[in-house]
C-alpha cells in the first residue's frame, strides 16, 4: 500500500497485440502504431489499447486477491 493505494505489477507482454474489446490476438510489428482488430473492428492507438488491457489484467488480479 502506498498513500492508501494498492500497486499491482502487471506483466506487459503482448498487451498491445491483444484486442482490448474482444480479446482477439492481432499480430503486428512495433512500428505499427494503430491497433485495428480484424475480428470486431475496434480501432485505437496501440498504447491506448495496451493500457486498457493492463488495466483489465490489474483489476482481475486485484479481484482474485480478495
PDB file of N, CA and C in Angstrom:
ATOM      1  N   UNK A   1       0.847  -1.181   0.000  1.00  0.00           N
ATOM      2  CA  UNK A   1       0.000   0.000   0.000  1.00  0.00           C
ATOM      3  C   UNK A   1       0.889   1.240   0.000  1.00  0.00           C
ATOM      4  N   UNK A   2       0.502   2.194  -0.781  1.00  0.00           N
ATOM      5  CA  UNK A   2       1.255   3.419  -0.898  1.00  0.00           C
ATOM      6  C   UNK A   2       0.271   4.585  -0.957  1.00  0.00           C
ATOM      7  N   UNK A   3       0.270   5.435   0.075  1.00  0.00           N
ATOM      8  CA  UNK A   3      -0.658   6.557   0.149  1.00  0.00           C
ATOM      9  C   UNK A   3      -2.104   6.101   0.022  1.00  0.00           C
ATOM     10  N   UNK A   4      -2.415   4.978   0.615  1.00  0.00           N
ATOM     11  CA  UNK A   4      -3.776   4.464   0.573  1.00  0.00           C
ATOM     12  C   UNK A   4      -4.139   3.787  -0.739  1.00  0.00           C
ATOM     13  N   UNK A   5      -3.174   3.586  -1.613  1.00  0.00           N
ATOM     14  CA  UNK A   5      -3.417   2.947  -2.907  1.00  0.00           C
ATOM     15  C   UNK A   5      -2.692   1.618  -2.963  1.00  0.00           C
ATOM     16  N   UNK A   6      -3.213   0.688  -3.686  1.00  0.00           N
ATOM     17  CA  UNK A   6      -2.567  -0.609  -3.880  1.00  0.00           C
ATOM     18  C   UNK A   6      -1.882  -0.598  -5.253  1.00  0.00           C
ATOM     19  N   UNK A   7      -0.661  -1.079  -5.280  1.00  0.00           N
ATOM     20  CA  UNK A   7       0.097  -1.157  -6.524  1.00  0.00           C
ATOM     21  C   UNK A   7       0.221  -2.623  -6.919  1.00  0.00           C
ATOM     22  N   UNK A   8      -0.156  -2.926  -8.144  1.00  0.00           N
ATOM     23  CA  UNK A   8      -0.103  -4.301  -8.638  1.00  0.00           C
ATOM     24  C   UNK A   8       0.747  -4.316  -9.902  1.00  0.00           C
ATOM     25  N   UNK A   9       1.764  -5.165  -9.925  1.00  0.00           N
ATOM     26  CA  UNK A   9       2.596  -5.302 -11.118  1.00  0.00           C
ATOM     27  C   UNK A   9       1.912  -6.189 -12.144  1.00  0.00           C
ATOM     28  N   UNK A  10       1.792  -5.695 -13.345  1.00  0.00           N
ATOM     29  CA  UNK A  10       1.141  -6.437 -14.425  1.00  0.00           C
ATOM     30  C   UNK A  10       2.173  -6.712 -15.513  1.00  0.00           C
ATOM     31  N   UNK A  11       2.360  -7.977 -15.901  1.00  0.00           N
ATOM     32  CA  UNK A  11       3.291  -8.263 -16.996  1.00  0.00           C
ATOM     33  C   UNK A  11       2.757  -7.667 -18.303  1.00  0.00           C
ATOM     34  N   UNK A  12       3.550  -6.847 -18.985  1.00  0.00           N
ATOM     35  CA  UNK A  12       3.051  -6.150 -20.174  1.00  0.00           C
ATOM     36  C   UNK A  12       3.126  -6.948 -21.466  1.00  0.00           C
ATOM     37  N   UNK A  13       3.561  -8.194 -21.410  1.00  0.00           N
ATOM     38  CA  UNK A  13       3.773  -8.987 -22.619  1.00  0.00           C
ATOM     39  C   UNK A  13       2.498  -9.123 -23.448  1.00  0.00           C
ATOM     40  N   UNK A  14       2.602  -8.757 -24.703  1.00  0.00           N
ATOM     41  CA  UNK A  14       1.537  -8.898 -25.715  1.00  0.00           C
ATOM     42  C   UNK A  14       0.284  -8.064 -25.438  1.00  0.00           C
ATOM     43  N   UNK A  15       0.356  -7.104 -24.528  1.00  0.00           N
ATOM     44  CA  UNK A  15      -0.832  -6.303 -24.233  1.00  0.00           C
ATOM     45  C   UNK A  15      -1.220  -5.395 -25.395  1.00  0.00           C
ATOM     46  N   UNK A  16      -0.266  -5.034 -26.250  1.00  0.00           N
ATOM     47  CA  UNK A  16      -0.624  -4.195 -27.398  1.00  0.00           C
ATOM     48  C   UNK A  16      -1.132  -5.035 -28.567  1.00  0.00           C
ATOM     49  N   UNK A  17      -0.948  -6.348 -28.509  1.00  0.00           N
ATOM     50  CA  UNK A  17      -1.391  -7.215 -29.608  1.00  0.00           C
ATOM     51  C   UNK A  17      -2.740  -7.878 -29.338  1.00  0.00           C
ATOM     52  N   UNK A  18      -3.190  -7.835 -28.097  1.00  0.00           N
ATOM     53  CA  UNK A  18      -4.495  -8.395 -27.749  1.00  0.00           C
ATOM     54  C   UNK A  18      -5.536  -7.288 -27.833  1.00  0.00           C
ATOM     55  N   UNK A  19      -6.621  -7.534 -28.531  1.00  0.00           N
ATOM     56  CA  UNK A  19      -7.672  -6.529 -28.654  1.00  0.00           C
ATOM     57  C   UNK A  19      -8.354  -6.334 -27.302  1.00  0.00           C
ATOM     58  N   UNK A  20      -8.375  -5.095 -26.824  1.00  0.00           N
ATOM     59  CA  UNK A  20      -8.986  -4.822 -25.520  1.00  0.00           C
ATOM     60  C   UNK A  20     -10.507  -4.902 -25.590  1.00  0.00           C
ATOM     61  N   UNK A  21     -11.058  -4.937 -26.785  1.00  0.00           N
ATOM     62  CA  UNK A  21     -12.502  -5.017 -26.934  1.00  0.00           C
ATOM     63  C   UNK A  21     -13.012  -6.453 -26.956  1.00  0.00           C
ATOM     64  N   UNK A  22     -12.322  -7.324 -27.729  1.00  0.00           N
ATOM     65  CA  UNK A  22     -12.844  -8.683 -27.877  1.00  0.00           C
ATOM     66  C   UNK A  22     -11.873  -9.782 -27.454  1.00  0.00           C
ATOM     67  N   UNK A  23     -10.595  -9.444 -27.231  1.00  0.00           N
ATOM     68  CA  UNK A  23      -9.617 -10.431 -26.797  1.00  0.00           C
ATOM     69  C   UNK A  23      -8.881 -11.141 -27.913  1.00  0.00           C
ATOM     70  N   UNK A  24      -9.224 -10.849 -29.153  1.00  0.00           N
ATOM     71  CA  UNK A  24      -8.549 -11.465 -30.295  1.00  0.00           C
ATOM     72  C   UNK A  24      -7.097 -10.981 -30.364  1.00  0.00           C
ATOM     73  N   UNK A  25      -6.174 -11.883 -30.692  1.00  0.00           N
ATOM     74  CA  UNK A  25      -4.768 -11.503 -30.846  1.00  0.00           C
ATOM     75  C   UNK A  25      -4.560 -11.020 -32.270  1.00  0.00           C
ATOM     76  N   UNK A  26      -4.083  -9.768 -32.396  1.00  0.00           N
ATOM     77  CA  UNK A  26      -3.831  -9.150 -33.689  1.00  0.00           C
ATOM     78  C   UNK A  26      -2.331  -8.899 -33.772  1.00  0.00           C
ATOM     79  N   UNK A  27      -1.619  -9.775 -34.441  1.00  0.00           N
ATOM     80  CA  UNK A  27      -0.156  -9.666 -34.540  1.00  0.00           C
ATOM     81  C   UNK A  27       0.229  -8.459 -35.397  1.00  0.00           C
ATOM     82  N   UNK A  28       1.220  -7.703 -34.906  1.00  0.00           N
ATOM     83  CA  UNK A  28       1.739  -6.558 -35.652  1.00  0.00           C
ATOM     84  C   UNK A  28       3.137  -6.246 -35.154  1.00  0.00           C
ATOM     85  N   UNK A  29       3.930  -5.592 -35.965  1.00  0.00           N
ATOM     86  CA  UNK A  29       5.277  -5.205 -35.547  1.00  0.00           C
ATOM     87  C   UNK A  29       5.193  -3.953 -34.670  1.00  0.00           C
ATOM     88  N   UNK A  30       6.269  -3.653 -33.981  1.00  0.00           N
ATOM     89  CA  UNK A  30       6.300  -2.478 -33.107  1.00  0.00           C
ATOM     90  C   UNK A  30       6.202  -1.172 -33.886  1.00  0.00           C
ATOM     91  N   UNK A  31       6.517  -1.198 -35.173  1.00  0.00           N
ATOM     92  CA  UNK A  31       6.435   0.027 -35.972  1.00  0.00           C
ATOM     93  C   UNK A  31       4.991   0.416 -36.300  1.00  0.00           C
ATOM     94  N   UNK A  32       4.065  -0.525 -36.184  1.00  0.00           N
ATOM     95  CA  UNK A  32       2.646  -0.234 -36.417  1.00  0.00           C
ATOM     96  C   UNK A  32       2.099   0.423 -35.158  1.00  0.00           C
ATOM     97  N   UNK A  33       1.581   1.632 -35.278  1.00  0.00           N
ATOM     98  CA  UNK A  33       1.160   2.403 -34.108  1.00  0.00           C
ATOM     99  C   UNK A  33      -0.350   2.411 -33.881  1.00  0.00           C
ATOM    100  N   UNK A  34      -1.116   1.793 -34.768  1.00  0.00           N
ATOM    101  CA  UNK A  34      -2.571   1.756 -34.610  1.00  0.00           C
ATOM    102  C   UNK A  34      -3.037   0.308 -34.540  1.00  0.00           C
ATOM    103  N   UNK A  35      -3.813   0.012 -33.504  1.00  0.00           N
ATOM    104  CA  UNK A  35      -4.409  -1.318 -33.347  1.00  0.00           C
ATOM    105  C   UNK A  35      -5.716  -1.330 -34.126  1.00  0.00           C
ATOM    106  N   UNK A  36      -5.844  -2.269 -35.054  1.00  0.00           N
ATOM    107  CA  UNK A  36      -7.082  -2.454 -35.827  1.00  0.00           C
ATOM    108  C   UNK A  36      -7.463  -3.922 -35.721  1.00  0.00           C
ATOM    109  N   UNK A  37      -8.535  -4.198 -35.024  1.00  0.00           N
ATOM    110  CA  UNK A  37      -8.961  -5.580 -34.840  1.00  0.00           C
ATOM    111  C   UNK A  37      -9.753  -6.046 -36.057  1.00  0.00           C
ATOM    112  N   UNK A  38      -9.275  -7.114 -36.668  1.00  0.00           N
ATOM    113  CA  UNK A  38      -9.976  -7.649 -37.838  1.00  0.00           C
ATOM    114  C   UNK A  38     -11.210  -8.448 -37.438  1.00  0.00           C
ATOM    115  N   UNK A  39     -11.320  -8.774 -36.143  1.00  0.00           N
ATOM    116  CA  UNK A  39     -12.452  -9.573 -35.663  1.00  0.00           C
ATOM    117  C   UNK A  39     -13.657  -8.701 -35.309  1.00  0.00           C
ATOM    118  N   UNK A  40     -13.426  -7.666 -34.479  1.00  0.00           N
ATOM    119  CA  UNK A  40     -14.565  -6.846 -34.012  1.00  0.00           C
ATOM    120  C   UNK A  40     -14.571  -5.415 -34.570  1.00  0.00           C
ATOM    121  N   UNK A  41     -13.473  -5.000 -35.243  1.00  0.00           N
ATOM    122  CA  UNK A  41     -13.432  -3.673 -35.840  1.00  0.00           C
ATOM    123  C   UNK A  41     -12.951  -2.570 -34.911  1.00  0.00           C
ATOM    124  N   UNK A  42     -12.555  -2.900 -33.682  1.00  0.00           N
ATOM    125  CA  UNK A  42     -12.076  -1.898 -32.728  1.00  0.00           C
ATOM    126  C   UNK A  42     -10.777  -1.271 -33.247  1.00  0.00           C
ATOM    127  N   UNK A  43     -10.692   0.075 -33.189  1.00  0.00           N
ATOM    128  CA  UNK A  43      -9.512   0.804 -33.644  1.00  0.00           C
ATOM    129  C   UNK A  43      -9.071   1.749 -32.536  1.00  0.00           C
ATOM    130  N   UNK A  44      -7.784   1.715 -32.201  1.00  0.00           N
ATOM    131  CA  UNK A  44      -7.222   2.615 -31.185  1.00  0.00           C
ATOM    132  C   UNK A  44      -5.720   2.676 -31.378  1.00  0.00           C
ATOM    133  N   UNK A  45      -5.093   3.686 -30.804  1.00  0.00           N
ATOM    134  CA  UNK A  45      -3.638   3.715 -30.796  1.00  0.00           C
ATOM    135  C   UNK A  45      -3.152   2.517 -29.992  1.00  0.00           C
ATOM    136  N   UNK A  46      -2.036   1.934 -30.408  1.00  0.00           N
ATOM    137  CA  UNK A  46      -1.527   0.723 -29.749  1.00  0.00           C
ATOM    138  C   UNK A  46      -1.307   0.925 -28.256  1.00  0.00           C
ATOM    139  N   UNK A  47      -0.765   2.082 -27.863  1.00  0.00           N
ATOM    140  CA  UNK A  47      -0.513   2.336 -26.448  1.00  0.00           C
ATOM    141  C   UNK A  47      -1.810   2.407 -25.642  1.00  0.00           C
ATOM    142  N   UNK A  48      -2.850   2.982 -26.232  1.00  0.00           N
ATOM    143  CA  UNK A  48      -4.144   3.062 -25.550  1.00  0.00           C
ATOM    144  C   UNK A  48      -4.741   1.665 -25.401  1.00  0.00           C
ATOM    145  N   UNK A  49      -4.669   0.877 -26.464  1.00  0.00           N
ATOM    146  CA  UNK A  49      -5.163  -0.499 -26.407  1.00  0.00           C
ATOM    147  C   UNK A  49      -4.425  -1.279 -25.314  1.00  0.00           C
ATOM    148  N   UNK A  50      -3.082  -1.144 -25.269  1.00  0.00           N
ATOM    149  CA  UNK A  50      -2.284  -1.842 -24.257  1.00  0.00           C
ATOM    150  C   UNK A  50      -2.669  -1.377 -22.853  1.00  0.00           C
ATOM    151  N   UNK A  51      -2.888  -0.079 -22.674  1.00  0.00           N
ATOM    152  CA  UNK A  51      -3.262   0.457 -21.356  1.00  0.00           C
ATOM    153  C   UNK A  51      -4.594  -0.116 -20.892  1.00  0.00           C
ATOM    154  N   UNK A  52      -5.545  -0.252 -21.797  1.00  0.00           N
ATOM    155  CA  UNK A  52      -6.841  -0.850 -21.437  1.00  0.00           C
ATOM    156  C   UNK A  52      -6.668  -2.303 -21.011  1.00  0.00           C
ATOM    157  N   UNK A  53      -5.804  -3.032 -21.717  1.00  0.00           N
ATOM    158  CA  UNK A  53      -5.541  -4.429 -21.360  1.00  0.00           C
ATOM    159  C   UNK A  53      -4.847  -4.532 -20.006  1.00  0.00           C
ATOM    160  N   UNK A  54      -3.863  -3.664 -19.751  1.00  0.00           N
ATOM    161  CA  UNK A  54      -3.143  -3.675 -18.479  1.00  0.00           C
ATOM    162  C   UNK A  54      -4.095  -3.350 -17.332  1.00  0.00           C
ATOM    163  N   UNK A  55      -4.976  -2.380 -17.532  1.00  0.00           N
ATOM    164  CA  UNK A  55      -5.964  -2.042 -16.507  1.00  0.00           C
ATOM    165  C   UNK A  55      -6.862  -3.236 -16.206  1.00  0.00           C
ATOM    166  N   UNK A  56      -7.353  -3.902 -17.249  1.00  0.00           N
ATOM    167  CA  UNK A  56      -8.231  -5.060 -17.054  1.00  0.00           C
ATOM    168  C   UNK A  56      -7.506  -6.183 -16.320  1.00  0.00           C
ATOM    169  N   UNK A  57      -6.270  -6.466 -16.726  1.00  0.00           N
ATOM    170  CA  UNK A  57      -5.490  -7.519 -16.065  1.00  0.00           C
ATOM    171  C   UNK A  57      -5.270  -7.175 -14.595  1.00  0.00           C
ATOM    172  N   UNK A  58      -4.909  -5.925 -14.326  1.00  0.00           N
ATOM    173  CA  UNK A  58      -4.700  -5.489 -12.944  1.00  0.00           C
ATOM    174  C   UNK A  58      -5.956  -5.603 -12.103  1.00  0.00           C
ATOM    175  N   UNK A  59      -7.083  -5.217 -12.675  1.00  0.00           N
ATOM    176  CA  UNK A  59      -8.354  -5.314 -11.943  1.00  0.00           C
ATOM    177  C   UNK A  59      -8.710  -6.778 -11.689  1.00  0.00           C
ATOM    178  N   UNK A  60      -8.448  -7.647 -12.670  1.00  0.00           N
ATOM    179  CA  UNK A  60      -8.694  -9.081 -12.482  1.00  0.00           C
ATOM    180  C   UNK A  60      -7.800  -9.643 -11.365  1.00  0.00           C
ATOM    181  N   UNK A  61      -6.529  -9.221 -11.354  1.00  0.00           N
ATOM    182  CA  UNK A  61      -5.600  -9.690 -10.314  1.00  0.00           C
ATOM    183  C   UNK A  61      -6.045  -9.196  -8.946  1.00  0.00           C
ATOM    184  N   UNK A  62      -6.504  -7.959  -8.858  1.00  0.00           N
ATOM    185  CA  UNK A  62      -6.989  -7.396  -7.598  1.00  0.00           C
ATOM    186  C   UNK A  62      -8.220  -8.152  -7.119  1.00  0.00           C
ATOM    187  N   UNK A  63      -9.124  -8.446  -8.036  1.00  0.00           N
ATOM    188  CA  UNK A  63     -10.347  -9.195  -7.698  1.00  0.00           C
ATOM    189  C   UNK A  63      -9.992 -10.586  -7.153  1.00  0.00           C
ATOM    190  N   UNK A  64      -8.990 -11.216  -7.762  1.00  0.00           N
ATOM    191  CA  UNK A  64      -8.593 -12.560  -7.357  1.00  0.00           C
ATOM    192  C   UNK A  64      -7.969 -12.573  -5.954  1.00  0.00           C
ATOM    193  N   UNK A  65      -7.398 -11.453  -5.529  1.00  0.00           N
ATOM    194  CA  UNK A  65      -6.758 -11.366  -4.211  1.00  0.00           C
ATOM    195  C   UNK A  65      -7.779 -11.223  -3.097  1.00  0.00           C
ATOM    196  N   UNK A  66      -8.977 -10.803  -3.414  1.00  0.00           N
ATOM    197  CA  UNK A  66      -9.981 -10.586  -2.353  1.00  0.00           C
ATOM    198  C   UNK A  66     -10.882 -11.773  -2.174  1.00  0.00           C
TER     199      UNK A  66
END
